[in-house]
Every structure is written in structure tokens, then in C-alpha cells.
Amino acid sequence: MAKDKQFNYLNFFYGLGATIILVAAMFKFLGWRHADKIFVIGILVEAVVFLISAFDWGSGSKNYDWEKVFPQLDTDEENELLMSQGIAEGTQQQQVLKIMETISTLNNSVTELNNATKKLTNSVEMMEKNYESVTESTQKYQTEIDNLRDKISHANNRLKEFDNFNYQKNK
């Protein structure tokens, strides 16, 4: 039942044009010669393929048997007979049960998502507190560094005064 595969020239030239354009892009990125010419060739191949494909209407659209997938679409007498006898009701009950299972699964997923969101919120709050603590500690550290710098500057000034005093004394 498999169809014989035929070589599709249109697909071949689509791929060929795209390949030429990709190679031209590589040439362009690497700064190699003839990148512009290769781009033009690739674009021309693609343009011709698009022009040809505009006139390729193919063999027509496929008709699918949707009734096999959705028996509700089948309006023949057999389906109507089953519906009138109540046999098809079982499928409706099964569908309702599946919907209920799906809703239950969705509810569980939402509950898990809610729990994860709460945990994430708690983590963010803890991170915020830690950030505030680190910021406060950093400010205290900066204040201590500034005080230490002032003390060292004051000590350096005293040392310079002492050196100047000794220098003048030895003169």
C-alpha cells in the first residue's frame, strides 16, 4: 500500500537554493571572496523555485475519513440506530470520566504549582532579608574602613610633622 516515491525536483531546488545561501552567508561572515556572487546565485535559484511553485497546484487536496476519528460526524443509519438504542451513551460516560480525570490531574498540578510558588516566595523573602543584612554589614564595614583611613591619614600627618621636626633639628 506504500506509494512509489518519486524524485521531487522542486524540493531538490528548494534545498539547493537554501544551501547556496547558507554557504554564501558563511563566506560573508568569514570575509571570503565571491560571497556576493554566491548570494545572488542562491537568491536567483530560490526566486525561480518560488516562481515555479506558484504554478504547481499538485494533485489536489486529500480527503480524510474524519468519521473514523470522530464517529459523531457519521450520519449514517447505523450510527443513528446505536444512538437510539443508547449504546453510544457509554462512550459519553467514558468521555465524562476522562474529563473528570483530566480535571483532577489539572487540580493536582495547580496544587503542586501553588506549593512550589509558596516555597519560591519564602526563598525570595529569605534572600531579601539576607541581602538587607549583607547591605547593613557592608555599610558598617565601609564606615570602619573610612574611620581607619582617617586614623592612618592622621598618623601619617603626625609622622610627617615628626620627620620635619627632626630634619629641622638636624640642620
Foldseek 3Di string as FASTA:
>chain_A
DDDDDDDDVLVVLCVVLVVLLVVLVVCVVVVHPPSVVSNVVSVVSNVVSVVVVVPPPDPDDDDDPCCVVVVVPDPDPVVVVCVVVCVCVVVVVVVVVVVVVVVVVVVVVVVVVVVVVVVVVVVVVVVVVVVVVVVVVVVVVVVVVVVVVVVVVVVVVVVVVVVVVVVVVVD
